[in-house]
Each structure stands twice: as structure tokens, then as C-alpha cells.
Amino acid sequence: MNNDDLFICIDHVGLAVPNLDEAIKFHTEVMGWRLLHRETNEEQGVEEAMIGTGDQLPESAQIQLLAPLNENSTIAKFLAKNGPGMQQLCYRVADIDAVCATLRERGVRLLYPEPKTGTGGARINFAHPKDTGGVLLELTQPVAGH
């Protein structure tokens, strides 16, 4: 698999926030973005919202606002250590299994042995920041039609 086959585009930038309602209000009322999707992901320990322009083009990146559900969640730990801000960069992929296999072959550690369920039912995994220049990279394969 060559690099042209690995990634489609930047899907979203994830921002850790202490209060989801306040973050949504800021991004919609002050910045002029639209709330596109909101959900609770118990497995990941987050309440999240996708903010964007409303365009559904594959090239239209979004902002993911992530608030902790409890003090043990990854986002709560991130906020305690770093404060609010960019938590991850997410790449959209067409075949997450193939991308994960290729990255492993190239020496990149992934956080999960198999993809998990993320926003809107997408299949997700993360590349370890120690292998990606200090940035937590999320990989997402959206559900067909989303």
C-alpha cells in the first residue's frame, strides 16, 4: 500500500474542553460554526460534539469538542495535565484495517489491537504520540454514507 492509498483527508481536530455546552455556545455563537452532531460515548468516557460548516464534502474538516464524563476518562486526565486545547488530529481513511496493518509494519504503535467504535459509529484507532512526533493521531473510517 503506498501513501496515496492510506489517507483520504483530515477529518477533524479534537479539542479537549471542560464544559461541552459552553464550548458549543462559543463555537456556534461567537465563531459562527454549526453544531452537526452530539453524542455520549461511554466506552471512551466522553461527551462530544462535532462542529463544522455543514458542508458534507470529504474535504470539509470539522472540530470535535470532547468533554470528560468522569475524572477517570482520558480527556479528564488530558485537561488536568494540559488544560483545554488541541488533544488530537484525526485522519479519515477508507480502510482502517489496511491502514493499521501498514502503520504497524512501519513501526508505529497503535493504542488498540483492533479498531473501536467512535463518533457516529465510525471505526477508530489511534497512533501513539511517541511514534508520531508528539501528536496523538486518530484514524477514522466513517460509516458508509456519513
N, C-alpha and C. Protein backbone atom coordinates (compact mmCIF):
# COMPACT_ATOMS: atom_id res chain seq x y z
N MET A 1 0.85 -1.17 0.00
CA MET A 1 0.00 0.00 0.00
C MET A 1 0.90 1.24 0.00
N ASN A 2 0.71 2.14 -0.95
CA ASN A 2 1.52 3.35 -0.96
C ASN A 2 0.80 4.47 -0.20
N ASN A 3 1.48 5.57 0.01
CA ASN A 3 0.92 6.66 0.80
C ASN A 3 -0.35 7.23 0.21
N ASP A 4 -0.50 7.19 -1.13
CA ASP A 4 -1.70 7.72 -1.76
C ASP A 4 -2.94 6.91 -1.37
N ASP A 5 -2.75 5.65 -0.98
CA ASP A 5 -3.87 4.80 -0.63
C ASP A 5 -4.22 4.85 0.86
N LEU A 6 -3.38 5.46 1.68
CA LEU A 6 -3.58 5.41 3.12
C LEU A 6 -4.65 6.37 3.63
N PHE A 7 -4.57 7.62 3.22
CA PHE A 7 -5.40 8.63 3.85
C PHE A 7 -6.25 9.39 2.83
N ILE A 8 -7.46 9.74 3.22
CA ILE A 8 -8.36 10.50 2.36
C ILE A 8 -8.17 11.99 2.60
N CYS A 9 -8.27 12.41 3.88
CA CYS A 9 -8.16 13.83 4.21
C CYS A 9 -8.09 13.98 5.73
N ILE A 10 -7.90 15.21 6.19
CA ILE A 10 -8.04 15.48 7.62
C ILE A 10 -9.53 15.47 7.91
N ASP A 11 -9.95 14.66 8.87
CA ASP A 11 -11.36 14.54 9.22
C ASP A 11 -11.74 15.60 10.25
N HIS A 12 -10.96 15.69 11.33
CA HIS A 12 -11.27 16.69 12.35
C HIS A 12 -10.07 16.93 13.26
N VAL A 13 -10.17 18.00 14.01
CA VAL A 13 -9.23 18.31 15.08
C VAL A 13 -10.02 18.19 16.37
N GLY A 14 -9.50 17.42 17.31
CA GLY A 14 -10.18 17.23 18.59
C GLY A 14 -9.68 18.21 19.62
N LEU A 15 -10.62 18.92 20.25
CA LEU A 15 -10.30 19.87 21.31
C LEU A 15 -10.86 19.38 22.62
N ALA A 16 -10.02 19.28 23.63
CA ALA A 16 -10.47 18.92 24.98
C ALA A 16 -11.05 20.17 25.63
N VAL A 17 -12.25 20.03 26.18
CA VAL A 17 -12.94 21.16 26.82
C VAL A 17 -13.51 20.71 28.15
N PRO A 18 -13.53 21.59 29.15
CA PRO A 18 -14.07 21.18 30.44
C PRO A 18 -15.61 21.14 30.47
N ASN A 19 -16.25 21.97 29.64
CA ASN A 19 -17.72 22.05 29.63
C ASN A 19 -18.20 22.06 28.18
N LEU A 20 -18.90 21.00 27.78
CA LEU A 20 -19.32 20.88 26.38
C LEU A 20 -20.32 21.95 25.98
N ASP A 21 -21.30 22.25 26.82
CA ASP A 21 -22.31 23.25 26.47
C ASP A 21 -21.68 24.63 26.25
N GLU A 22 -20.74 25.01 27.12
CA GLU A 22 -20.07 26.30 26.95
C GLU A 22 -19.23 26.32 25.68
N ALA A 23 -18.56 25.21 25.38
CA ALA A 23 -17.73 25.15 24.17
C ALA A 23 -18.59 25.22 22.92
N ILE A 24 -19.72 24.51 22.92
CA ILE A 24 -20.63 24.58 21.77
C ILE A 24 -21.12 26.01 21.58
N LYS A 25 -21.51 26.65 22.67
CA LYS A 25 -22.01 28.03 22.59
C LYS A 25 -20.95 28.95 21.99
N PHE A 26 -19.70 28.83 22.46
CA PHE A 26 -18.63 29.67 21.92
C PHE A 26 -18.43 29.43 20.42
N HIS A 27 -18.32 28.17 20.04
CA HIS A 27 -18.01 27.86 18.64
C HIS A 27 -19.16 28.16 17.69
N THR A 28 -20.39 28.11 18.18
CA THR A 28 -21.53 28.41 17.30
C THR A 28 -21.90 29.90 17.33
N GLU A 29 -21.99 30.49 18.53
CA GLU A 29 -22.43 31.88 18.63
C GLU A 29 -21.33 32.89 18.35
N VAL A 30 -20.11 32.59 18.74
CA VAL A 30 -19.01 33.54 18.54
C VAL A 30 -18.28 33.28 17.23
N MET A 31 -17.94 32.00 16.98
CA MET A 31 -17.15 31.68 15.80
C MET A 31 -18.00 31.43 14.55
N GLY A 32 -19.29 31.17 14.73
CA GLY A 32 -20.18 31.02 13.58
C GLY A 32 -20.25 29.63 12.97
N TRP A 33 -19.70 28.63 13.65
CA TRP A 33 -19.80 27.25 13.16
C TRP A 33 -21.17 26.70 13.49
N ARG A 34 -21.49 25.53 12.96
CA ARG A 34 -22.77 24.86 13.24
C ARG A 34 -22.54 23.58 14.04
N LEU A 35 -23.47 23.30 14.92
CA LEU A 35 -23.46 22.02 15.62
C LEU A 35 -24.00 20.97 14.65
N LEU A 36 -23.16 20.00 14.32
CA LEU A 36 -23.53 18.97 13.34
C LEU A 36 -23.98 17.67 13.99
N HIS A 37 -23.42 17.38 15.17
CA HIS A 37 -23.68 16.08 15.80
C HIS A 37 -23.26 16.17 17.26
N ARG A 38 -24.03 15.51 18.13
CA ARG A 38 -23.68 15.44 19.54
C ARG A 38 -24.01 14.06 20.05
N GLU A 39 -23.12 13.49 20.87
CA GLU A 39 -23.38 12.17 21.42
C GLU A 39 -22.54 11.95 22.67
N THR A 40 -22.92 10.93 23.42
CA THR A 40 -22.15 10.47 24.58
C THR A 40 -21.53 9.14 24.20
N ASN A 41 -20.22 9.01 24.46
CA ASN A 41 -19.52 7.76 24.19
C ASN A 41 -19.02 7.23 25.53
N GLU A 42 -19.81 6.35 26.13
CA GLU A 42 -19.49 5.79 27.44
C GLU A 42 -18.15 5.05 27.42
N GLU A 43 -17.90 4.26 26.36
CA GLU A 43 -16.67 3.49 26.29
C GLU A 43 -15.43 4.38 26.33
N GLN A 44 -15.50 5.52 25.64
CA GLN A 44 -14.37 6.45 25.61
C GLN A 44 -14.40 7.43 26.80
N GLY A 45 -15.52 7.46 27.54
CA GLY A 45 -15.62 8.35 28.69
C GLY A 45 -15.77 9.81 28.33
N VAL A 46 -16.43 10.08 27.20
CA VAL A 46 -16.57 11.47 26.75
C VAL A 46 -18.00 11.78 26.30
N GLU A 47 -18.29 13.05 26.42
CA GLU A 47 -19.45 13.64 25.76
C GLU A 47 -18.83 14.48 24.65
N GLU A 48 -19.36 14.36 23.45
CA GLU A 48 -18.70 15.02 22.33
C GLU A 48 -19.68 15.69 21.39
N ALA A 49 -19.15 16.64 20.66
CA ALA A 49 -19.94 17.34 19.63
C ALA A 49 -19.04 17.59 18.44
N MET A 50 -19.61 17.45 17.25
CA MET A 50 -18.90 17.79 16.03
C MET A 50 -19.43 19.15 15.56
N ILE A 51 -18.51 20.05 15.28
CA ILE A 51 -18.82 21.40 14.85
C ILE A 51 -18.24 21.56 13.45
N GLY A 52 -18.99 22.19 12.56
CA GLY A 52 -18.47 22.39 11.21
C GLY A 52 -19.28 23.40 10.45
N THR A 53 -19.03 23.45 9.15
CA THR A 53 -19.71 24.40 8.28
C THR A 53 -21.05 23.86 7.81
N GLY A 54 -21.24 22.57 7.92
CA GLY A 54 -22.44 21.95 7.40
C GLY A 54 -22.22 21.33 6.04
N ASP A 55 -21.11 21.69 5.37
CA ASP A 55 -20.77 21.07 4.10
C ASP A 55 -20.42 19.61 4.34
N GLN A 56 -20.87 18.73 3.51
CA GLN A 56 -20.59 17.31 3.67
C GLN A 56 -19.55 16.80 2.69
N LEU A 57 -18.75 17.70 2.16
CA LEU A 57 -17.70 17.30 1.24
C LEU A 57 -16.64 16.50 2.00
N PRO A 58 -16.03 15.51 1.38
CA PRO A 58 -14.99 14.75 2.08
C PRO A 58 -13.84 15.63 2.57
N GLU A 59 -13.62 16.75 1.91
CA GLU A 59 -12.52 17.62 2.30
C GLU A 59 -12.88 18.58 3.41
N SER A 60 -14.12 18.58 3.88
CA SER A 60 -14.56 19.52 4.90
C SER A 60 -14.22 19.01 6.30
N ALA A 61 -13.11 19.48 6.84
CA ALA A 61 -12.71 19.08 8.19
C ALA A 61 -13.65 19.71 9.20
N GLN A 62 -13.76 19.06 10.35
CA GLN A 62 -14.62 19.52 11.42
C GLN A 62 -13.81 19.70 12.68
N ILE A 63 -14.44 20.25 13.71
CA ILE A 63 -13.85 20.36 15.03
C ILE A 63 -14.65 19.45 15.94
N GLN A 64 -13.96 18.60 16.69
CA GLN A 64 -14.60 17.72 17.65
C GLN A 64 -14.33 18.28 19.04
N LEU A 65 -15.40 18.61 19.76
CA LEU A 65 -15.28 19.07 21.13
C LEU A 65 -15.47 17.88 22.04
N LEU A 66 -14.53 17.66 22.96
CA LEU A 66 -14.54 16.49 23.83
C LEU A 66 -14.52 16.93 25.29
N ALA A 67 -15.56 16.56 26.04
CA ALA A 67 -15.64 16.86 27.47
C ALA A 67 -15.68 15.54 28.23
N PRO A 68 -15.03 15.48 29.39
CA PRO A 68 -14.99 14.23 30.15
C PRO A 68 -16.34 13.90 30.80
N LEU A 69 -16.66 12.60 30.84
CA LEU A 69 -17.84 12.14 31.57
C LEU A 69 -17.52 11.93 33.04
N ASN A 70 -16.25 11.64 33.33
CA ASN A 70 -15.84 11.41 34.72
C ASN A 70 -14.35 11.72 34.84
N GLU A 71 -13.86 11.75 36.07
CA GLU A 71 -12.47 12.13 36.32
C GLU A 71 -11.46 11.07 35.89
N ASN A 72 -11.93 9.86 35.54
CA ASN A 72 -11.02 8.80 35.10
C ASN A 72 -10.86 8.73 33.59
N SER A 73 -11.61 9.53 32.85
CA SER A 73 -11.55 9.47 31.39
C SER A 73 -10.23 10.05 30.88
N THR A 74 -9.85 9.64 29.69
CA THR A 74 -8.63 10.14 29.06
C THR A 74 -8.68 11.66 28.91
N ILE A 75 -9.85 12.18 28.57
CA ILE A 75 -9.98 13.63 28.39
C ILE A 75 -9.83 14.37 29.72
N ALA A 76 -10.38 13.80 30.81
CA ALA A 76 -10.22 14.42 32.13
C ALA A 76 -8.74 14.48 32.50
N LYS A 77 -8.02 13.39 32.23
CA LYS A 77 -6.58 13.36 32.53
C LYS A 77 -5.82 14.35 31.66
N PHE A 78 -6.21 14.45 30.38
CA PHE A 78 -5.58 15.42 29.48
C PHE A 78 -5.80 16.84 30.01
N LEU A 79 -7.05 17.16 30.38
CA LEU A 79 -7.36 18.50 30.88
C LEU A 79 -6.58 18.81 32.16
N ALA A 80 -6.47 17.83 33.07
CA ALA A 80 -5.74 18.04 34.32
C ALA A 80 -4.26 18.32 34.05
N LYS A 81 -3.70 17.66 33.07
CA LYS A 81 -2.28 17.82 32.76
C LYS A 81 -2.00 19.04 31.90
N ASN A 82 -2.85 19.28 30.88
CA ASN A 82 -2.56 20.29 29.86
C ASN A 82 -3.51 21.48 29.82
N GLY A 83 -4.67 21.35 30.43
CA GLY A 83 -5.70 22.37 30.29
C GLY A 83 -6.43 22.20 28.97
N PRO A 84 -7.42 23.04 28.69
CA PRO A 84 -8.16 22.93 27.44
C PRO A 84 -7.26 23.17 26.23
N GLY A 85 -7.58 22.51 25.13
CA GLY A 85 -6.82 22.74 23.90
C GLY A 85 -6.83 21.55 22.99
N MET A 86 -5.98 21.61 21.97
CA MET A 86 -5.92 20.54 20.98
C MET A 86 -5.46 19.24 21.63
N GLN A 87 -6.27 18.20 21.45
CA GLN A 87 -5.97 16.90 22.03
C GLN A 87 -5.52 15.91 20.98
N GLN A 88 -6.09 16.02 19.75
CA GLN A 88 -5.71 15.08 18.69
C GLN A 88 -6.05 15.63 17.32
N LEU A 89 -5.37 15.05 16.33
CA LEU A 89 -5.63 15.33 14.92
C LEU A 89 -6.12 14.02 14.31
N CYS A 90 -7.19 14.08 13.54
CA CYS A 90 -7.80 12.86 13.02
C CYS A 90 -7.73 12.81 11.50
N TYR A 91 -7.23 11.68 10.98
CA TYR A 91 -7.18 11.44 9.54
C TYR A 91 -8.32 10.49 9.16
N ARG A 92 -9.03 10.82 8.10
CA ARG A 92 -10.06 9.93 7.56
C ARG A 92 -9.40 8.94 6.62
N VAL A 93 -9.78 7.66 6.76
CA VAL A 93 -9.22 6.60 5.93
C VAL A 93 -10.35 5.79 5.31
N ALA A 94 -10.06 5.15 4.19
CA ALA A 94 -11.06 4.32 3.51
C ALA A 94 -11.10 2.91 4.08
N ASP A 95 -9.96 2.41 4.55
CA ASP A 95 -9.87 1.03 5.04
C ASP A 95 -8.97 1.03 6.28
N ILE A 96 -9.59 1.16 7.44
CA ILE A 96 -8.82 1.29 8.68
C ILE A 96 -7.99 0.05 8.98
N ASP A 97 -8.49 -1.12 8.62
CA ASP A 97 -7.71 -2.33 8.88
C ASP A 97 -6.41 -2.33 8.08
N ALA A 98 -6.49 -1.93 6.82
CA ALA A 98 -5.30 -1.88 5.98
C ALA A 98 -4.33 -0.80 6.47
N VAL A 99 -4.86 0.35 6.85
CA VAL A 99 -4.00 1.44 7.34
C VAL A 99 -3.32 1.01 8.64
N CYS A 100 -4.06 0.40 9.55
CA CYS A 100 -3.46 -0.06 10.82
C CYS A 100 -2.35 -1.08 10.55
N ALA A 101 -2.60 -2.01 9.66
CA ALA A 101 -1.59 -3.02 9.33
C ALA A 101 -0.34 -2.37 8.74
N THR A 102 -0.53 -1.42 7.84
CA THR A 102 0.60 -0.74 7.21
C THR A 102 1.40 0.06 8.24
N LEU A 103 0.71 0.77 9.11
CA LEU A 103 1.42 1.56 10.12
C LEU A 103 2.20 0.66 11.07
N ARG A 104 1.60 -0.45 11.46
CA ARG A 104 2.32 -1.40 12.33
C ARG A 104 3.58 -1.92 11.62
N GLU A 105 3.44 -2.26 10.33
CA GLU A 105 4.60 -2.73 9.55
C GLU A 105 5.70 -1.67 9.52
N ARG A 106 5.31 -0.41 9.59
CA ARG A 106 6.26 0.70 9.53
C ARG A 106 6.73 1.13 10.92
N GLY A 107 6.38 0.35 11.94
CA GLY A 107 6.88 0.61 13.28
C GLY A 107 6.08 1.54 14.15
N VAL A 108 4.87 1.89 13.73
CA VAL A 108 4.02 2.78 14.52
C VAL A 108 3.16 1.94 15.46
N ARG A 109 3.22 2.29 16.75
CA ARG A 109 2.36 1.62 17.73
C ARG A 109 0.97 2.22 17.71
N LEU A 110 -0.04 1.35 17.76
CA LEU A 110 -1.42 1.80 17.82
C LEU A 110 -1.95 1.54 19.23
N LEU A 111 -2.89 2.36 19.67
CA LEU A 111 -3.38 2.24 21.04
C LEU A 111 -4.27 1.02 21.24
N TYR A 112 -4.98 0.59 20.20
CA TYR A 112 -5.88 -0.55 20.33
C TYR A 112 -5.45 -1.66 19.37
N PRO A 113 -5.55 -2.92 19.80
CA PRO A 113 -5.22 -4.03 18.91
C PRO A 113 -6.17 -4.11 17.71
N GLU A 114 -7.41 -3.74 17.92
CA GLU A 114 -8.44 -3.71 16.87
C GLU A 114 -9.18 -2.38 16.96
N PRO A 115 -9.68 -1.84 15.85
CA PRO A 115 -10.43 -0.59 15.90
C PRO A 115 -11.63 -0.69 16.84
N LYS A 116 -11.95 0.47 17.44
CA LYS A 116 -13.11 0.58 18.33
C LYS A 116 -14.16 1.45 17.64
N THR A 117 -15.31 1.58 18.30
CA THR A 117 -16.39 2.40 17.77
C THR A 117 -16.25 3.83 18.29
N GLY A 118 -16.29 4.78 17.35
CA GLY A 118 -16.17 6.20 17.69
C GLY A 118 -17.41 6.97 17.29
N THR A 119 -17.24 8.24 17.04
CA THR A 119 -18.33 9.15 16.72
C THR A 119 -19.17 8.64 15.56
N GLY A 120 -20.47 8.64 15.76
CA GLY A 120 -21.40 8.24 14.70
C GLY A 120 -21.24 6.82 14.23
N GLY A 121 -20.63 5.96 15.06
CA GLY A 121 -20.45 4.56 14.68
C GLY A 121 -19.21 4.30 13.84
N ALA A 122 -18.38 5.33 13.61
CA ALA A 122 -17.15 5.16 12.82
C ALA A 122 -16.22 4.18 13.54
N ARG A 123 -15.38 3.52 12.76
CA ARG A 123 -14.33 2.66 13.33
C ARG A 123 -13.09 3.53 13.52
N ILE A 124 -12.50 3.48 14.72
CA ILE A 124 -11.37 4.35 15.04
C ILE A 124 -10.22 3.59 15.67
N ASN A 125 -9.03 4.17 15.57
CA ASN A 125 -7.86 3.75 16.31
C ASN A 125 -6.97 4.97 16.44
N PHE A 126 -5.94 4.88 17.25
CA PHE A 126 -5.03 5.99 17.48
C PHE A 126 -3.59 5.53 17.33
N ALA A 127 -2.77 6.36 16.69
CA ALA A 127 -1.34 6.13 16.61
C ALA A 127 -0.68 6.81 17.81
N HIS A 128 0.22 6.09 18.46
CA HIS A 128 0.86 6.59 19.68
C HIS A 128 1.66 7.85 19.40
N PRO A 129 1.48 8.89 20.24
CA PRO A 129 2.20 10.15 20.02
C PRO A 129 3.72 10.01 20.04
N LYS A 130 4.25 9.01 20.74
CA LYS A 130 5.71 8.83 20.77
C LYS A 130 6.24 8.40 19.41
N ASP A 131 5.35 7.89 18.55
CA ASP A 131 5.76 7.46 17.21
C ASP A 131 5.37 8.45 16.12
N THR A 132 4.69 9.54 16.50
CA THR A 132 4.16 10.48 15.51
C THR A 132 4.58 11.92 15.77
N GLY A 133 5.74 12.09 16.36
CA GLY A 133 6.23 13.45 16.59
C GLY A 133 5.52 14.19 17.70
N GLY A 134 4.92 13.47 18.64
CA GLY A 134 4.27 14.10 19.78
C GLY A 134 2.80 14.42 19.60
N VAL A 135 2.23 14.09 18.46
CA VAL A 135 0.82 14.38 18.20
C VAL A 135 0.03 13.07 18.26
N LEU A 136 -1.05 13.06 19.03
CA LEU A 136 -1.95 11.91 19.03
C LEU A 136 -2.72 11.95 17.72
N LEU A 137 -2.51 10.93 16.87
CA LEU A 137 -3.20 10.86 15.59
C LEU A 137 -4.32 9.83 15.67
N GLU A 138 -5.52 10.28 15.40
CA GLU A 138 -6.66 9.37 15.33
C GLU A 138 -6.85 8.98 13.87
N LEU A 139 -7.26 7.75 13.67
CA LEU A 139 -7.64 7.26 12.34
C LEU A 139 -9.11 6.95 12.42
N THR A 140 -9.89 7.38 11.44
CA THR A 140 -11.32 7.11 11.44
C THR A 140 -11.78 6.63 10.08
N GLN A 141 -12.60 5.59 10.11
CA GLN A 141 -13.28 5.12 8.91
C GLN A 141 -14.77 5.30 9.17
N PRO A 142 -15.34 6.39 8.65
CA PRO A 142 -16.75 6.68 8.91
C PRO A 142 -17.66 5.57 8.36
N VAL A 143 -18.83 5.48 8.95
CA VAL A 143 -19.84 4.56 8.45
C VAL A 143 -20.22 5.03 7.05
N ALA A 144 -20.44 4.08 6.14
CA ALA A 144 -20.82 4.43 4.77
C ALA A 144 -22.00 5.39 4.77
N GLY A 145 -21.89 6.44 3.99
CA GLY A 145 -22.96 7.42 3.87
C GLY A 145 -22.84 8.59 4.82
N HIS A 146 -21.84 8.56 5.73
CA HIS A 146 -21.67 9.68 6.67
C HIS A 146 -20.45 10.47 6.31
